[in-house]
Amino acid sequence: ALAMWMMDLLIGRGERQQREFIQRTFSRYVAPAVVEELIRHPESAAVQGTRREASFLFTDIAGFTTLSERLEPEALSALLNAYLDGACAIILEHQGTIDKFIGDAIMAVFNAPVPQPDHADRAVRCALALDAYAEQFRLEANGRGVPMGTTRIGIHRGEAVIGNFGSQSRMDFTALGDTVNTAARTEGVNKYFGTRICCTQAIVDVCPDRRFRKIGDITLKGKMTATGLFVPIAQHEDAALIGDYADAYALLEDEQQAAPMRFAALVKRFPDDPLARFHHERIVAGNCTTMVVMDDK
């Protein structure tokens, strides 16, 4: 009886320590519901890295380095903290895992540590919500005389090694691999297209119920093959623009002679549309193709 009592005591102590480890490790960057799920299924919080598929979301504020040099430290801190508070709340609402902050940039993971069968679509929904929030935040900041730039978002899906990495004194839950690097570059190329959200073919392939506008077949820097890049379509977007762009893009993709004229007309009708301008300017420069090779990240 004494041995059984001691065994129960040790097991109970081990379970408490495990619960405390999970809460301490994950409560900072995942939703409370995810922490509870990890406590019920602690095997998902294994310390060693495991290879698994996930969707990765990166955000970055355009021109933030320049802005940080213009603002006083107190004003910069207040602005960034307010922005990150709202952005992180949206990520947690979609049950994404906040991997890390790199200055004003955020890296988030879906489908880890807790499995999410709809992780790609969840990442797209999160990106659209983040875009709406960030644009409103930017406009309000601009209204106060703070020249805050747009938030650019990139999404990619694929395998990565995910787990707790670090030393005995400090560990972080993170992801490693080429998929993560591709997701980061997907965010970065928004500046060349004038877009705010960019996602890869790998995301589009598993989101059949969601609509996208194709940017082109892009060879990212450091890659040998092209991948399709897309912009997810929000509910409020102009249906006429979406339809006319799709028609013009199809002509350009098939290398039809009517493509230059269609894009010229599209830019005239929708002068503020970045994708129409992007392709029109390429056509004028002699690049009448949807294939784009990136020379920079």
Protein backbone atom coordinates (compact mmCIF):
# COMPACT_ATOMS: atom_id res chain seq x y z
CA ALA A 1 0.00 0.00 0.00
CA LEU A 2 2.82 2.36 0.86
CA ALA A 3 4.55 1.59 -2.46
CA MET A 4 1.35 2.26 -4.39
CA TRP A 5 0.84 5.52 -2.52
CA MET A 6 4.42 6.60 -3.30
CA MET A 7 3.93 5.68 -6.97
CA ASP A 8 0.73 7.73 -7.18
CA LEU A 9 2.52 10.62 -5.53
CA LEU A 10 5.38 10.49 -8.03
CA ILE A 11 3.02 10.17 -11.00
CA GLY A 12 0.97 13.09 -9.74
CA ARG A 13 4.10 15.17 -9.28
CA GLY A 14 5.27 14.27 -12.79
CA GLU A 15 1.94 15.25 -14.30
CA ARG A 16 1.98 18.58 -12.45
CA GLN A 17 5.49 19.30 -13.66
CA GLN A 18 4.49 18.42 -17.22
CA ARG A 19 1.45 20.69 -17.00
CA GLU A 20 3.59 23.53 -15.63
CA PHE A 21 6.16 23.01 -18.40
CA ILE A 22 3.49 23.21 -21.12
CA GLN A 23 1.85 26.28 -19.60
CA ARG A 24 5.21 28.01 -19.12
CA THR A 25 6.45 27.14 -22.60
CA PHE A 26 3.37 27.77 -24.72
CA SER A 27 1.11 30.24 -22.89
CA ARG A 28 3.06 33.20 -24.29
CA TYR A 29 2.38 32.45 -27.93
CA VAL A 30 -0.64 30.19 -28.37
CA ALA A 31 -4.32 30.61 -27.54
CA PRO A 32 -5.50 29.34 -24.11
CA ALA A 33 -7.62 26.68 -25.83
CA VAL A 34 -4.49 25.34 -27.54
CA VAL A 35 -2.63 25.21 -24.20
CA GLU A 36 -5.48 23.16 -22.71
CA GLU A 37 -5.36 20.82 -25.71
CA LEU A 38 -1.62 20.38 -25.19
CA ILE A 39 -2.17 19.56 -21.54
CA ARG A 40 -4.69 16.87 -22.56
CA HIS A 41 -2.31 15.57 -25.25
CA PRO A 42 1.22 16.40 -24.02
CA GLU A 43 2.85 14.27 -26.72
CA SER A 44 2.21 17.18 -29.10
CA ALA A 45 4.63 19.30 -27.05
CA ALA A 46 7.62 17.02 -27.42
CA VAL A 47 10.93 18.73 -26.82
CA GLN A 48 12.64 17.16 -29.84
CA GLY A 49 11.89 18.44 -33.33
CA THR A 50 9.58 16.47 -35.60
CA ARG A 51 9.01 16.80 -39.34
CA ARG A 52 5.44 17.77 -40.18
CA GLU A 53 3.43 19.80 -42.65
CA ALA A 54 2.36 23.27 -41.57
CA SER A 55 1.34 26.64 -42.94
CA PHE A 56 3.58 29.62 -42.18
CA LEU A 57 2.60 33.27 -42.08
CA PHE A 58 5.04 36.18 -42.04
CA THR A 59 4.22 39.87 -41.62
CA ASP A 60 6.38 42.98 -41.93
CA ILE A 61 5.69 46.73 -41.91
CA ALA A 62 7.02 48.59 -44.95
CA GLY A 63 9.51 51.34 -44.08
CA PHE A 64 9.44 50.67 -40.35
CA THR A 65 13.21 51.08 -39.96
CA THR A 66 12.98 54.61 -41.35
CA LEU A 67 9.96 55.35 -39.17
CA SER A 68 11.79 54.12 -36.06
CA GLU A 69 14.58 56.63 -36.71
CA ARG A 70 12.09 59.51 -36.85
CA LEU A 71 10.05 58.73 -33.73
CA GLU A 72 11.06 59.24 -30.13
CA PRO A 73 11.68 55.91 -28.32
CA GLU A 74 8.57 56.28 -26.14
CA ALA A 75 6.32 57.01 -29.14
CA LEU A 76 7.86 54.17 -31.15
CA SER A 77 7.39 51.71 -28.31
CA ALA A 78 3.76 52.72 -27.78
CA LEU A 79 3.00 52.48 -31.50
CA LEU A 80 4.65 49.08 -32.01
CA ASN A 81 3.20 47.55 -28.85
CA ALA A 82 -0.31 48.66 -29.78
CA TYR A 83 0.09 47.29 -33.30
CA LEU A 84 1.51 43.95 -32.13
CA ASP A 85 -1.18 43.57 -29.46
CA GLY A 86 -3.91 43.77 -32.09
CA ALA A 87 -2.07 41.60 -34.62
CA CYS A 88 -1.31 38.88 -32.08
CA ALA A 89 -4.91 38.85 -30.89
CA ILE A 90 -6.00 38.07 -34.47
CA ILE A 91 -3.44 35.28 -34.83
CA LEU A 92 -4.50 33.71 -31.54
CA GLU A 93 -8.16 34.09 -32.51
CA HIS A 94 -7.40 31.88 -35.53
CA GLN A 95 -5.46 29.53 -33.23
CA GLY A 96 -2.14 30.21 -34.88
CA THR A 97 1.09 29.85 -32.92
CA ILE A 98 3.16 33.01 -32.60
CA ASP A 99 6.64 31.71 -33.32
CA LYS A 100 8.67 34.89 -32.91
CA PHE A 101 8.95 38.65 -33.32
CA ILE A 102 11.78 40.13 -35.39
CA GLY A 103 11.44 43.83 -34.70
CA ASP A 104 8.07 44.75 -36.20
CA ALA A 105 7.82 41.43 -38.08
CA ILE A 106 5.80 38.42 -36.89
CA MET A 107 6.20 34.74 -37.75
CA ALA A 108 3.21 32.49 -37.07
CA VAL A 109 2.64 28.77 -37.57
CA PHE A 110 -0.57 26.82 -38.19
CA ASN A 111 -0.91 23.06 -37.59
CA ALA A 112 1.65 23.06 -34.78
CA PRO A 113 1.88 22.20 -31.99
CA VAL A 114 -1.77 21.07 -32.22
CA PRO A 115 -2.95 19.46 -35.50
CA GLN A 116 -5.34 21.59 -37.60
CA PRO A 117 -6.69 19.84 -40.73
CA ASP A 118 -7.69 23.23 -42.20
CA HIS A 119 -4.38 24.94 -41.40
CA ALA A 120 -3.86 26.43 -44.87
CA ASP A 121 -7.34 27.95 -45.08
CA ARG A 122 -6.99 29.08 -41.47
CA ALA A 123 -3.77 30.91 -42.38
CA VAL A 124 -5.50 32.64 -45.31
CA ARG A 125 -8.43 33.72 -43.12
CA CYS A 126 -5.97 35.03 -40.57
CA ALA A 127 -4.05 36.94 -43.25
CA LEU A 128 -7.20 38.64 -44.53
CA ALA A 129 -8.18 39.63 -40.99
CA LEU A 130 -4.66 40.90 -40.29
CA ASP A 131 -4.71 42.92 -43.50
CA ALA A 132 -7.97 44.63 -42.59
CA TYR A 133 -6.70 45.38 -39.09
CA ALA A 134 -3.29 46.62 -40.22
CA GLU A 135 -4.76 48.92 -42.88
CA GLN A 136 -7.12 50.48 -40.34
CA PHE A 137 -4.25 50.86 -37.86
CA ARG A 138 -2.09 52.49 -40.56
CA LEU A 139 -4.79 54.96 -41.60
CA GLU A 140 -5.39 55.98 -38.00
CA ALA A 141 -1.64 56.43 -37.42
CA ASN A 142 -1.32 58.47 -40.63
CA GLY A 143 -4.23 60.61 -39.44
CA ARG A 144 -2.20 61.44 -36.32
CA GLY A 145 0.76 62.44 -38.47
CA VAL A 146 2.67 59.15 -38.05
CA PRO A 147 3.79 57.95 -41.52
CA MET A 148 3.35 54.24 -40.85
CA GLY A 149 3.68 51.97 -43.89
CA THR A 150 1.53 49.09 -45.07
CA THR A 151 1.80 45.64 -43.55
CA ARG A 152 2.93 42.97 -46.00
CA ILE A 153 1.95 39.35 -45.43
CA GLY A 154 3.27 36.12 -46.93
CA ILE A 155 1.86 32.59 -46.59
CA HIS A 156 3.34 29.24 -47.62
CA ARG A 157 2.67 25.58 -46.81
CA GLY A 158 5.04 22.63 -46.63
CA GLU A 159 7.10 20.36 -44.43
CA ALA A 160 9.41 21.69 -41.74
CA VAL A 161 11.11 20.47 -38.59
CA ILE A 162 9.05 21.84 -35.71
CA GLY A 163 9.68 21.59 -31.99
CA ASN A 164 11.41 23.09 -28.97
CA PHE A 165 14.98 24.10 -29.74
CA GLY A 166 17.59 25.77 -27.58
CA SER A 167 19.68 25.17 -24.48
CA GLN A 168 19.01 24.15 -20.91
CA SER A 169 18.63 27.81 -19.94
CA ARG A 170 16.43 28.93 -22.84
CA MET A 171 14.23 27.08 -25.31
CA ASP A 172 11.92 28.29 -28.08
CA PHE A 173 9.18 26.51 -29.98
CA THR A 174 10.00 27.17 -33.62
CA ALA A 175 10.25 25.72 -37.13
CA LEU A 176 13.28 25.13 -39.33
CA GLY A 177 13.69 24.38 -43.02
CA ASP A 178 13.36 25.64 -46.57
CA THR A 179 9.58 25.95 -46.26
CA VAL A 180 10.05 28.62 -43.60
CA ASN A 181 12.55 30.50 -45.77
CA THR A 182 10.17 30.39 -48.74
CA ALA A 183 7.33 31.76 -46.61
CA ALA A 184 9.54 34.67 -45.52
CA ARG A 185 10.49 35.44 -49.13
CA THR A 186 6.84 35.25 -50.15
CA GLU A 187 6.18 38.10 -47.73
CA GLY A 188 9.14 40.08 -49.04
CA VAL A 189 8.17 40.02 -52.72
CA ASN A 190 4.94 41.92 -52.04
CA LYS A 191 6.94 45.14 -52.40
CA TYR A 192 7.68 44.36 -56.06
CA PHE A 193 4.05 43.65 -56.95
CA GLY A 194 2.48 46.40 -54.84
CA THR A 195 0.38 43.79 -53.03
CA ARG A 196 -0.19 43.38 -49.30
CA ILE A 197 -0.83 39.61 -49.17
CA CYS A 198 0.98 37.01 -51.20
CA CYS A 199 0.54 33.24 -50.96
CA THR A 200 1.97 30.30 -52.86
CA GLN A 201 0.48 27.65 -55.12
CA ALA A 202 0.90 25.18 -52.23
CA ILE A 203 -1.66 27.18 -50.23
CA VAL A 204 -4.08 27.64 -53.14
CA ASP A 205 -4.02 23.91 -53.95
CA VAL A 206 -5.67 23.01 -50.63
CA CYS A 207 -8.14 25.92 -50.46
CA PRO A 208 -10.60 25.02 -53.25
CA ASP A 209 -13.45 27.02 -51.74
CA ARG A 210 -11.50 30.27 -51.60
CA ARG A 211 -10.91 32.71 -54.47
CA PHE A 212 -7.51 34.07 -55.48
CA ARG A 213 -6.00 36.39 -58.09
CA LYS A 214 -2.87 35.02 -59.69
CA ILE A 215 0.14 37.31 -59.67
CA GLY A 216 2.29 35.16 -61.93
CA ASP A 217 4.71 32.26 -62.06
CA ILE A 218 7.54 33.58 -59.93
CA THR A 219 11.05 32.21 -59.49
CA LEU A 220 12.05 33.40 -56.04
CA LYS A 221 15.66 34.35 -55.38
CA GLY A 222 17.72 31.24 -54.69
CA LYS A 223 15.18 28.92 -56.35
CA MET A 224 15.57 26.99 -59.59
CA THR A 225 11.89 26.55 -60.47
CA ALA A 226 8.94 28.93 -60.60
CA THR A 227 5.94 28.74 -58.31
CA GLY A 228 2.55 30.36 -58.72
CA LEU A 229 1.97 33.31 -56.42
CA PHE A 230 -1.52 34.59 -55.62
CA VAL A 231 -3.46 37.22 -53.72
CA PRO A 232 -6.51 36.02 -51.76
CA ILE A 233 -9.69 37.86 -52.67
CA ALA A 234 -11.52 39.62 -49.83
CA GLN A 235 -15.32 39.79 -49.82
CA HIS A 236 -15.43 43.57 -50.32
CA GLU A 237 -13.33 43.62 -53.51
CA ASP A 238 -14.76 44.93 -56.79
CA ALA A 239 -16.24 42.03 -58.77
CA ALA A 240 -15.75 43.86 -62.08
CA LEU A 241 -12.04 44.31 -61.36
CA ILE A 242 -11.63 40.66 -60.37
CA GLY A 243 -13.35 39.42 -63.52
CA ASP A 244 -11.59 41.80 -65.92
CA TYR A 245 -8.20 41.05 -64.39
CA ALA A 246 -8.77 37.29 -64.73
CA ASP A 247 -9.64 37.73 -68.42
CA ALA A 248 -6.59 39.93 -69.11
CA TYR A 249 -4.29 37.58 -67.18
CA ALA A 250 -5.54 34.58 -69.19
CA LEU A 251 -4.64 36.40 -72.41
CA LEU A 252 -1.19 37.23 -71.07
CA GLU A 253 -0.65 33.66 -69.90
CA ASP A 254 -1.52 32.35 -73.38
CA GLU A 255 0.70 35.05 -74.95
CA GLN A 256 -2.21 36.46 -76.94
CA GLN A 257 -1.65 39.67 -78.91
CA ALA A 258 -4.71 41.23 -77.25
CA ALA A 259 -3.10 41.09 -73.77
CA PRO A 260 -1.28 44.47 -73.91
CA MET A 261 -4.44 46.28 -74.98
CA ARG A 262 -6.51 44.58 -72.29
CA PHE A 263 -4.08 45.52 -69.53
CA ALA A 264 -3.86 49.09 -70.81
CA ALA A 265 -7.64 49.32 -70.61
CA LEU A 266 -7.62 47.67 -67.18
CA VAL A 267 -5.17 50.23 -65.79
CA LYS A 268 -7.27 53.04 -67.23
CA ARG A 269 -10.41 51.70 -65.52
CA PHE A 270 -8.71 50.71 -62.24
CA PRO A 271 -5.62 52.96 -61.86
CA ASP A 272 -5.16 52.06 -58.19
CA ASP A 273 -4.97 48.29 -58.73
CA PRO A 274 -1.36 47.19 -58.12
CA LEU A 275 -1.48 43.96 -60.15
CA ALA A 276 -2.94 45.65 -63.21
CA ARG A 277 -0.17 48.28 -63.00
CA PHE A 278 2.51 45.64 -62.42
CA HIS A 279 1.69 43.66 -65.55
CA HIS A 280 1.02 46.76 -67.66
CA GLU A 281 4.43 48.22 -66.77
CA ARG A 282 6.14 44.89 -67.57
CA ILE A 283 4.37 44.70 -70.93
CA VAL A 284 5.41 48.27 -71.78
CA ALA A 285 9.00 47.30 -70.88
CA GLY A 286 8.82 44.38 -73.30
CA ASN A 287 8.08 41.57 -70.81
CA CYS A 288 4.84 40.22 -72.23
CA THR A 289 4.77 37.12 -70.03
CA THR A 290 3.53 35.90 -66.65
CA MET A 291 6.97 34.44 -65.84
CA VAL A 292 8.96 36.58 -63.40
CA VAL A 293 12.47 35.86 -62.08
CA MET A 294 13.27 37.65 -58.83
CA ASP A 295 16.79 39.02 -58.46
CA ASP A 296 16.24 40.05 -54.84
CA LYS A 297 14.47 38.66 -51.78
